[in-house]
C-alpha atoms as a PDB file:
ATOM      1  CA  MET A   1    -121.953-114.076 -45.030  1.00  0.00           C
ATOM      2  CA  LYS A   2    -122.616-110.706 -43.480  1.00  0.00           C
ATOM      3  CA  GLU A   3    -119.410-108.654 -42.694  1.00  0.00           C
ATOM      4  CA  PHE A   4    -118.853-108.059 -38.489  1.00  0.00           C
ATOM      5  CA  ARG A   5    -120.172-105.634 -36.407  1.00  0.00           C
ATOM      6  CA  PHE A   6    -119.419-105.138 -33.133  1.00  0.00           C
ATOM      7  CA  ARG A   7    -122.818-103.528 -31.925  1.00  0.00           C
ATOM      8  CA  ALA A   8    -121.838-102.427 -28.368  1.00  0.00           C
ATOM      9  CA  GLN A   9    -118.756-100.417 -30.369  1.00  0.00           C
ATOM     10  CA  ALA A  10    -120.269 -96.902 -29.761  1.00  0.00           C
ATOM     11  CA  VAL A  11    -120.373 -98.257 -25.637  1.00  0.00           C
ATOM     12  CA  LEU A  12    -116.906 -99.025 -26.041  1.00  0.00           C
ATOM     13  CA  ASP A  13    -115.753 -95.850 -27.815  1.00  0.00           C
ATOM     14  CA  LEU A  14    -117.940 -93.567 -25.339  1.00  0.00           C
ATOM     15  CA  ARG A  15    -116.108 -95.902 -22.017  1.00  0.00           C
ATOM     16  CA  SER A  16    -112.656 -95.971 -23.711  1.00  0.00           C
ATOM     17  CA  ARG A  17    -112.772 -91.605 -24.032  1.00  0.00           C
ATOM     18  CA  HIS A  18    -114.440 -91.811 -20.536  1.00  0.00           C
ATOM     19  CA  ARG A  19    -111.398 -94.410 -19.130  1.00  0.00           C
ATOM     20  CA  ASP A  20    -108.776 -92.021 -21.204  1.00  0.00           C
ATOM     21  CA  LEU A  21    -110.640 -88.597 -19.336  1.00  0.00           C
ATOM     22  CA  VAL A  22    -110.088 -90.650 -15.777  1.00  0.00           C
ATOM     23  CA  GLN A  23    -106.232 -91.443 -16.797  1.00  0.00           C
ATOM     24  CA  THR A  24    -105.754 -86.961 -17.535  1.00  0.00           C
ATOM     25  CA  GLU A  25    -107.325 -86.347 -14.248  1.00  0.00           C
ATOM     26  CA  LEU A  26    -104.731 -89.569 -13.272  1.00  0.00           C
ATOM     27  CA  ALA A  27    -102.266 -88.033 -14.115  1.00  0.00           C
ATOM     28  CA  GLN A  28    -103.300 -83.721 -12.857  1.00  0.00           C
ATOM     29  CA  ALA A  29    -103.440 -85.541  -9.196  1.00  0.00           C
ATOM     30  CA  ILE A  30    -100.324 -86.467  -9.058  1.00  0.00           C
ATOM     31  CA  ARG A  31     -98.612 -84.121 -10.314  1.00  0.00           C
ATOM     32  CA  ALA A  32    -100.726 -81.583  -7.243  1.00  0.00           C
ATOM     33  CA  GLU A  33     -99.383 -84.084  -4.940  1.00  0.00           C
ATOM     34  CA  GLN A  34     -96.215 -83.767  -6.381  1.00  0.00           C
ATOM     35  CA  VAL A  35     -96.295 -80.052  -5.772  1.00  0.00           C
ATOM     36  CA  ALA A  36     -97.516 -80.635  -2.496  1.00  0.00           C
ATOM     37  CA  THR A  37     -94.973 -83.005  -1.484  1.00  0.00           C
ATOM     38  CA  ASP A  38     -92.432 -80.348  -2.538  1.00  0.00           C
ATOM     39  CA  ALA A  39     -93.582 -77.364  -0.572  1.00  0.00           C
ATOM     40  CA  LEU A  40     -93.655 -79.088   2.146  1.00  0.00           C
ATOM     41  CA  GLU A  41     -90.466 -80.318   1.715  1.00  0.00           C
ATOM     42  CA  GLY A  42     -89.116 -76.781   1.589  1.00  0.00           C
ATOM     43  CA  ALA A  43     -91.053 -75.596   4.733  1.00  0.00           C
ATOM     44  CA  GLU A  44     -89.754 -78.925   6.546  1.00  0.00           C
ATOM     45  CA  ARG A  45     -86.453 -78.028   5.345  1.00  0.00           C
ATOM     46  CA  ARG A  46     -87.233 -74.227   6.370  1.00  0.00           C
ATOM     47  CA  GLY A  47     -88.659 -75.530   9.952  1.00  0.00           C
ATOM     48  CA  LEU A  48     -85.316 -76.815  10.254  1.00  0.00           C
ATOM     49  CA  GLN A  49     -83.132 -74.191   9.409  1.00  0.00           C
ATOM     50  CA  ALA A  50     -85.109 -71.730  11.738  1.00  0.00           C
ATOM     51  CA  ALA A  51     -84.213 -74.053  14.977  1.00  0.00           C
ATOM     52  CA  VAL A  52     -80.869 -74.185  13.531  1.00  0.00           C
ATOM     53  CA  ASP A  53     -80.725 -70.358  13.454  1.00  0.00           C
ATOM     54  CA  GLY A  54     -82.263 -70.060  16.722  1.00  0.00           C
ATOM     55  CA  ALA A  55     -80.564 -72.462  19.053  1.00  0.00           C
ATOM     56  CA  ASP A  56     -77.268 -70.492  17.386  1.00  0.00           C
ATOM     57  CA  ALA A  57     -78.682 -66.984  18.264  1.00  0.00           C
ATOM     58  CA  PHE A  58     -79.518 -68.647  21.886  1.00  0.00           C
ATOM     59  CA  ARG A  59     -75.548 -69.824  21.754  1.00  0.00           C
ATOM     60  CA  THR A  60     -74.013 -66.473  20.983  1.00  0.00           C
ATOM     61  CA  GLY A  61     -76.221 -64.376  23.302  1.00  0.00           C
ATOM     62  CA  GLY A  62     -78.260 -61.452  22.155  1.00  0.00           C
ATOM     63  CA  PRO A  63     -81.860 -59.370  23.393  1.00  0.00           C
ATOM     64  CA  ILE A  64     -84.648 -61.556  24.971  1.00  0.00           C
ATOM     65  CA  SER A  65     -86.610 -59.963  21.564  1.00  0.00           C
ATOM     66  CA  GLU A  66     -84.472 -61.943  18.700  1.00  0.00           C
ATOM     67  CA  PHE A  67     -84.711 -65.328  20.589  1.00  0.00           C
ATOM     68  CA  GLU A  68     -89.157 -64.145  20.480  1.00  0.00           C
ATOM     69  CA  ARG A  69     -88.875 -63.415  17.203  1.00  0.00           C
ATOM     70  CA  HIS A  70     -86.960 -66.724  16.420  1.00  0.00           C
ATOM     71  CA  ARG A  71     -89.407 -68.817  18.439  1.00  0.00           C
ATOM     72  CA  TYR A  72     -92.479 -66.992  16.599  1.00  0.00           C
ATOM     73  CA  TRP A  73     -90.713 -67.448  13.453  1.00  0.00           C
ATOM     74  CA  ILE A  74     -90.436 -71.517  14.176  1.00  0.00           C
ATOM     75  CA  ALA A  75     -94.431 -71.433  15.270  1.00  0.00           C
ATOM     76  CA  HIS A  76     -95.151 -69.831  11.722  1.00  0.00           C
ATOM     77  CA  LEU A  77     -92.941 -72.546  10.101  1.00  0.00           C
ATOM     78  CA  ARG A  78     -94.369 -75.343  12.007  1.00  0.00           C
ATOM     79  CA  ASP A  79     -97.854 -74.877  11.569  1.00  0.00           C
ATOM     80  CA  GLU A  80     -97.193 -74.140   7.739  1.00  0.00           C
ATOM     81  CA  SER A  81     -95.348 -77.628   7.729  1.00  0.00           C
ATOM     82  CA  GLU A  82     -98.676 -78.710   9.230  1.00  0.00           C
ATOM     83  CA  ARG A  83    -101.060 -77.019   6.721  1.00  0.00           C
ATOM     84  CA  LEU A  84     -99.257 -78.330   3.897  1.00  0.00           C
ATOM     85  CA  ARG A  85     -98.984 -81.970   5.302  1.00  0.00           C
ATOM     86  CA  ARG A  86    -103.140 -81.953   5.324  1.00  0.00           C
ATOM     87  CA  ILE A  87    -103.132 -80.501   1.597  1.00  0.00           C
ATOM     88  CA  ARG A  88    -100.177 -83.516   0.987  1.00  0.00           C
ATOM     89  CA  GLN A  89    -102.692 -85.709   2.592  1.00  0.00           C
ATOM     90  CA  GLU A  90    -105.736 -84.626   0.325  1.00  0.00           C
ATOM     91  CA  ARG A  91    -103.714 -85.088  -2.682  1.00  0.00           C
ATOM     92  CA  ALA A  92    -102.548 -88.728  -1.488  1.00  0.00           C
ATOM     93  CA  THR A  93    -106.092 -89.442  -1.198  1.00  0.00           C
ATOM     94  CA  GLU A  94    -107.528 -87.781  -4.246  1.00  0.00           C
ATOM     95  CA  VAL A  95    -104.480 -90.382  -5.963  1.00  0.00           C
ATOM     96  CA  LEU A  96    -106.359 -92.955  -4.520  1.00  0.00           C
ATOM     97  CA  LYS A  97    -109.716 -91.981  -5.764  1.00  0.00           C
ATOM     98  CA  ALA A  98    -108.474 -91.461  -9.266  1.00  0.00           C
ATOM     99  CA  ARG A  99    -106.200 -94.518  -9.276  1.00  0.00           C
ATOM    100  CA  GLU A 100    -109.344 -96.661  -7.836  1.00  0.00           C
ATOM    101  CA  ARG A 101    -111.897 -94.720 -10.814  1.00  0.00           C
ATOM    102  CA  LEU A 102    -109.517 -95.660 -13.987  1.00  0.00           C
ATOM    103  CA  ARG A 103    -108.968 -99.283 -12.416  1.00  0.00           C
ATOM    104  CA  SER A 104    -113.030 -99.968 -12.811  1.00  0.00           C
ATOM    105  CA  ALA A 105    -112.807 -97.596 -16.342  1.00  0.00           C
ATOM    106  CA  HIS A 106    -110.495 -99.983 -17.640  1.00  0.00           C
ATOM    107  CA  GLN A 107    -112.375-102.838 -16.373  1.00  0.00           C
ATOM    108  CA  GLU A 108    -115.517-101.508 -18.416  1.00  0.00           C
ATOM    109  CA  VAL A 109    -113.212-101.147 -21.284  1.00  0.00           C
ATOM    110  CA  ARG A 110    -111.731-104.695 -21.065  1.00  0.00           C
ATOM    111  CA  VAL A 111    -115.202-106.270 -20.578  1.00  0.00           C
ATOM    112  CA  LEU A 112    -116.389-105.262 -23.480  1.00  0.00           C
ATOM    113  CA  GLU A 113    -113.048-105.361 -25.624  1.00  0.00           C
ATOM    114  CA  ARG A 114    -112.711-109.268 -24.289  1.00  0.00           C
ATOM    115  CA  LEU A 115    -116.533-109.062 -25.576  1.00  0.00           C
ATOM    116  CA  ARG A 116    -115.978-108.054 -29.111  1.00  0.00           C
ATOM    117  CA  ASP A 117    -113.149-110.631 -29.287  1.00  0.00           C
ATOM    118  CA  GLN A 118    -115.273-113.383 -28.561  1.00  0.00           C
ATOM    119  CA  LEU A 119    -117.872-112.206 -30.844  1.00  0.00           C
ATOM    120  CA  TRP A 120    -115.325-111.711 -33.418  1.00  0.00           C
ATOM    121  CA  GLN A 121    -113.560-115.284 -32.564  1.00  0.00           C
ATOM    122  CA  ARG A 122    -117.084-116.872 -33.019  1.00  0.00           C
ATOM    123  CA  HIS A 123    -117.631-114.251 -36.919  1.00  0.00           C
ATOM    124  CA  GLN A 124    -114.023-116.233 -38.057  1.00  0.00           C
ATOM    125  CA  GLU A 125    -114.974-119.603 -37.079  1.00  0.00           C
ATOM    126  CA  LEU A 126    -118.801-118.912 -39.131  1.00  0.00           C
ATOM    127  CA  VAL A 127    -117.037-117.471 -42.099  1.00  0.00           C
ATOM    128  CA  ARG A 128    -114.709-120.809 -42.055  1.00  0.00           C
ATOM    129  CA  GLN A 129    -117.665-123.011 -40.948  1.00  0.00           C
ATOM    130  CA  GLN A 130    -119.739-121.429 -44.115  1.00  0.00           C
ATOM    131  CA  GLU A 131    -116.707-121.335 -46.862  1.00  0.00           C
ATOM    132  CA  MET A 132    -116.437-125.328 -45.546  1.00  0.00           C
ATOM    133  CA  ARG A 133    -119.603-125.602 -46.771  1.00  0.00           C
ATOM    134  CA  ASP A 134    -119.484-123.849 -49.816  1.00  0.00           C
ATOM    135  CA  LEU A 135    -116.168-126.259 -50.830  1.00  0.00           C
ATOM    136  CA  ASP A 136    -118.048-129.551 -50.108  1.00  0.00           C
ATOM    137  CA  GLU A 137    -120.888-127.933 -52.202  1.00  0.00           C
ATOM    138  CA  VAL A 138    -118.465-127.374 -55.302  1.00  0.00           C
ATOM    139  CA  ALA A 139    -116.604-130.464 -55.155  1.00  0.00           C
ATOM    140  CA  THR A 140    -120.017-132.552 -54.442  1.00  0.00           C
ATOM    141  CA  LEU A 141    -121.367-130.434 -58.185  1.00  0.00           C
ATOM    142  CA  ARG A 142    -118.206-131.205 -59.498  1.00  0.00           C
ATOM    143  CA  PHE A 143    -118.534-134.793 -59.299  1.00  0.00           C
ATOM    144  CA  ALA A 144    -122.067-135.342 -59.952  1.00  0.00           C
ATOM    145  CA  ARG A 145    -121.497-133.715 -62.980  1.00  0.00           C
ATOM    146  CA  GLN A 146    -118.277-135.488 -63.813  1.00  0.00           C
ATOM    147  CA  HIS A 147    -120.810-139.125 -62.862  1.00  0.00           C
ATOM    148  CA  THR A 148    -123.121-137.812 -65.134  1.00  0.00           C
ATOM    149  CA  GLN A 149    -121.039-136.508 -67.469  1.00  0.00           C
ATOM    150  CA  GLY A 150    -119.092-140.242 -67.162  1.00  0.00           C
ATOM    151  CA  ARG A 151    -122.780-142.029 -68.105  1.00  0.00           C
ATOM    152  CA  SER A 152    -123.801-140.261 -70.633  1.00  0.00           C
ATOM    153  CA  GLU A 153    -120.629-140.836 -72.641  1.00  0.00           C
ATOM    154  CA  ARG A 154    -120.558-144.488 -71.887  1.00  0.00           C
ATOM    155  CA  GLY A 155    -124.804-144.461 -73.169  1.00  0.00           C
ATOM    156  CA  SER A 156    -124.040-143.353 -76.205  1.00  0.00           C
END
């Protein structure tokens, strides 16, 4: 019986490498999203602290220019937070797309792996059937030889 050979093994290997590459891209996208989240959280903390500092300055009194400086600084931090929020949203979208690409790549690999497994099972069954036929043939030949030897001994 021939040795088992999965003809689509090269395709399976290519798809597996592609899946691994997409998995790496997903990991990079997740890291980028985490960096964006950390930056956003930092900007929001700075914005809250600036608001607290501005309120404290307003309570304690002082020159108008200081109040204006706080107001501009708070507006700048709010704009920065919005910009970082948009970046984080873009990164989250990239993560979702990368997850979908990974799901698709994994599905393509699994299809070929299942096909390979089914063909392997079929091959194993054919090997088993061939072994049974060979054993039956050996048993038949042994019986025939014993039967013909028994006749020749009786005939002499």
